[in-house]
Amino acid sequence: MGGVIMTGVSVRVTGMSSTERGSEGVVKAVRQGWTGKEAVIVAPGPLRSREFTVPLVDLSMK
């Protein structure tokens, strides 16, 4: 199943319009948003991890 972004996959935000561009993390969930499918990403940090939501079209697999 190559090229499928789903729960547990490591991804990088590559979309030009995303404010999280360049961030990396692991997909926690994929859900239906207002503008289509979106992923909840968990990104590790020095003190604690953070979560953010990004449209699937703005993601690429690492």
N, C-alpha and C. Protein backbone atom coordinates (compact mmCIF):
# COMPACT_ATOMS: atom_id res chain seq x y z
N MET A 1 0.84 -1.18 0.00
CA MET A 1 0.00 0.00 0.00
C MET A 1 0.88 1.25 0.00
N GLY A 2 1.74 1.43 -0.98
CA GLY A 2 2.65 2.56 -1.02
C GLY A 2 1.96 3.86 -1.35
N GLY A 3 2.41 4.93 -0.70
CA GLY A 3 1.89 6.25 -0.99
C GLY A 3 0.59 6.61 -0.30
N VAL A 4 0.14 5.82 0.64
CA VAL A 4 -1.12 6.11 1.33
C VAL A 4 -0.81 6.72 2.69
N ILE A 5 -1.38 7.89 2.94
CA ILE A 5 -1.19 8.54 4.23
C ILE A 5 -2.33 8.10 5.14
N MET A 6 -1.96 7.42 6.24
CA MET A 6 -2.95 6.94 7.20
C MET A 6 -2.35 7.01 8.60
N THR A 7 -3.11 6.62 9.59
CA THR A 7 -2.69 6.68 10.98
C THR A 7 -1.37 5.96 11.20
N GLY A 8 -0.46 6.62 11.91
CA GLY A 8 0.83 6.02 12.25
C GLY A 8 1.95 6.29 11.27
N VAL A 9 1.68 6.96 10.16
CA VAL A 9 2.68 7.23 9.13
C VAL A 9 3.44 8.52 9.46
N SER A 10 4.75 8.52 9.28
CA SER A 10 5.56 9.74 9.46
C SER A 10 5.42 10.61 8.22
N VAL A 11 5.13 11.90 8.45
CA VAL A 11 4.87 12.82 7.33
C VAL A 11 5.60 14.14 7.53
N ARG A 12 5.69 14.89 6.43
CA ARG A 12 6.24 16.25 6.43
C ARG A 12 5.20 17.15 5.75
N VAL A 13 5.01 18.35 6.29
CA VAL A 13 4.07 19.31 5.70
C VAL A 13 4.81 20.03 4.58
N THR A 14 4.31 19.88 3.35
CA THR A 14 4.97 20.47 2.19
C THR A 14 4.09 21.47 1.44
N GLY A 15 2.84 21.62 1.84
CA GLY A 15 1.92 22.52 1.15
C GLY A 15 2.33 23.98 1.26
N MET A 16 2.27 24.69 0.16
CA MET A 16 2.68 26.09 0.12
C MET A 16 1.79 26.99 0.97
N SER A 17 0.51 26.65 1.11
CA SER A 17 -0.43 27.52 1.83
C SER A 17 -0.50 27.22 3.32
N SER A 18 0.15 26.16 3.77
CA SER A 18 0.05 25.76 5.17
C SER A 18 0.98 26.58 6.05
N THR A 19 0.47 27.03 7.21
CA THR A 19 1.29 27.76 8.17
C THR A 19 2.27 26.84 8.89
N GLU A 20 2.04 25.53 8.79
CA GLU A 20 2.92 24.53 9.43
C GLU A 20 3.95 23.98 8.45
N ARG A 21 4.17 24.65 7.33
CA ARG A 21 5.07 24.16 6.29
C ARG A 21 6.46 23.85 6.86
N GLY A 22 6.98 22.69 6.56
CA GLY A 22 8.28 22.26 7.02
C GLY A 22 8.23 21.42 8.29
N SER A 23 7.09 21.40 8.96
CA SER A 23 6.96 20.60 10.19
C SER A 23 6.90 19.12 9.85
N GLU A 24 7.35 18.31 10.79
CA GLU A 24 7.31 16.86 10.62
C GLU A 24 6.63 16.24 11.83
N GLY A 25 5.99 15.11 11.62
CA GLY A 25 5.33 14.42 12.72
C GLY A 25 4.73 13.11 12.27
N VAL A 26 3.86 12.57 13.12
CA VAL A 26 3.19 11.30 12.86
C VAL A 26 1.69 11.55 12.82
N VAL A 27 1.01 10.91 11.87
CA VAL A 27 -0.43 11.07 11.73
C VAL A 27 -1.14 10.36 12.88
N LYS A 28 -1.92 11.12 13.64
CA LYS A 28 -2.68 10.57 14.76
C LYS A 28 -4.06 10.12 14.28
N ALA A 29 -4.66 10.88 13.37
CA ALA A 29 -6.00 10.56 12.86
C ALA A 29 -6.21 11.22 11.52
N VAL A 30 -7.07 10.65 10.71
CA VAL A 30 -7.50 11.24 9.44
C VAL A 30 -9.01 11.42 9.56
N ARG A 31 -9.48 12.63 9.26
CA ARG A 31 -10.91 12.92 9.41
C ARG A 31 -11.41 13.80 8.28
N GLN A 32 -12.72 13.92 8.19
CA GLN A 32 -13.36 14.77 7.19
C GLN A 32 -13.52 16.16 7.77
N GLY A 33 -12.90 17.16 7.15
CA GLY A 33 -13.01 18.55 7.60
C GLY A 33 -13.91 19.35 6.67
N TRP A 34 -13.95 20.66 6.88
CA TRP A 34 -14.79 21.53 6.05
C TRP A 34 -14.31 21.57 4.60
N THR A 35 -13.03 21.48 4.40
CA THR A 35 -12.48 21.59 3.04
C THR A 35 -12.06 20.27 2.45
N GLY A 36 -12.41 19.16 3.09
CA GLY A 36 -12.04 17.84 2.60
C GLY A 36 -11.32 17.06 3.69
N LYS A 37 -10.60 16.04 3.28
CA LYS A 37 -9.89 15.19 4.25
C LYS A 37 -8.73 15.96 4.87
N GLU A 38 -8.57 15.80 6.18
CA GLU A 38 -7.46 16.42 6.88
C GLU A 38 -6.87 15.45 7.88
N ALA A 39 -5.62 15.69 8.26
CA ALA A 39 -4.92 14.81 9.18
C ALA A 39 -4.56 15.57 10.45
N VAL A 40 -4.68 14.90 11.58
CA VAL A 40 -4.20 15.45 12.85
C VAL A 40 -2.78 14.92 13.02
N ILE A 41 -1.83 15.84 13.12
CA ILE A 41 -0.41 15.49 13.20
C ILE A 41 0.10 15.73 14.62
N VAL A 42 0.87 14.80 15.14
CA VAL A 42 1.54 14.96 16.42
C VAL A 42 3.02 15.16 16.14
N ALA A 43 3.54 16.32 16.53
CA ALA A 43 4.95 16.64 16.30
C ALA A 43 5.68 16.68 17.64
N PRO A 44 6.79 15.96 17.74
CA PRO A 44 7.55 15.98 19.00
C PRO A 44 8.20 17.34 19.21
N GLY A 45 8.31 17.72 20.47
CA GLY A 45 8.97 18.97 20.82
C GLY A 45 9.95 18.74 21.96
N PRO A 46 10.74 19.74 22.30
CA PRO A 46 11.73 19.58 23.36
C PRO A 46 11.11 19.32 24.74
N LEU A 47 9.98 19.96 25.03
CA LEU A 47 9.33 19.79 26.32
C LEU A 47 8.07 18.94 26.25
N ARG A 48 7.31 19.13 25.20
CA ARG A 48 6.08 18.34 25.01
C ARG A 48 5.73 18.31 23.53
N SER A 49 4.93 17.33 23.17
CA SER A 49 4.51 17.23 21.77
C SER A 49 3.36 18.20 21.52
N ARG A 50 3.16 18.55 20.25
CA ARG A 50 2.05 19.42 19.89
C ARG A 50 1.26 18.78 18.78
N GLU A 51 0.00 19.16 18.69
CA GLU A 51 -0.89 18.63 17.65
C GLU A 51 -1.38 19.78 16.78
N PHE A 52 -1.51 19.50 15.49
CA PHE A 52 -2.09 20.46 14.57
C PHE A 52 -2.78 19.71 13.44
N THR A 53 -3.66 20.39 12.76
CA THR A 53 -4.45 19.80 11.68
C THR A 53 -4.02 20.38 10.35
N VAL A 54 -3.83 19.51 9.36
CA VAL A 54 -3.37 19.91 8.03
C VAL A 54 -4.17 19.14 6.98
N PRO A 55 -4.58 19.80 5.88
CA PRO A 55 -5.23 19.07 4.79
C PRO A 55 -4.30 17.99 4.22
N LEU A 56 -4.86 16.86 3.83
CA LEU A 56 -4.05 15.76 3.30
C LEU A 56 -3.23 16.17 2.07
N VAL A 57 -3.76 17.10 1.28
CA VAL A 57 -3.03 17.51 0.07
C VAL A 57 -1.74 18.24 0.40
N ASP A 58 -1.59 18.74 1.63
CA ASP A 58 -0.39 19.47 2.04
C ASP A 58 0.67 18.56 2.67
N LEU A 59 0.46 17.25 2.65
CA LEU A 59 1.38 16.32 3.30
C LEU A 59 2.14 15.46 2.30
N SER A 60 3.35 15.06 2.69
CA SER A 60 4.09 14.07 1.94
C SER A 60 4.72 13.11 2.95
N MET A 61 4.89 11.86 2.54
CA MET A 61 5.49 10.87 3.43
C MET A 61 6.99 11.10 3.52
N LYS A 62 7.55 10.84 4.70
CA LYS A 62 9.00 10.99 4.89
C LYS A 62 9.73 9.78 4.35
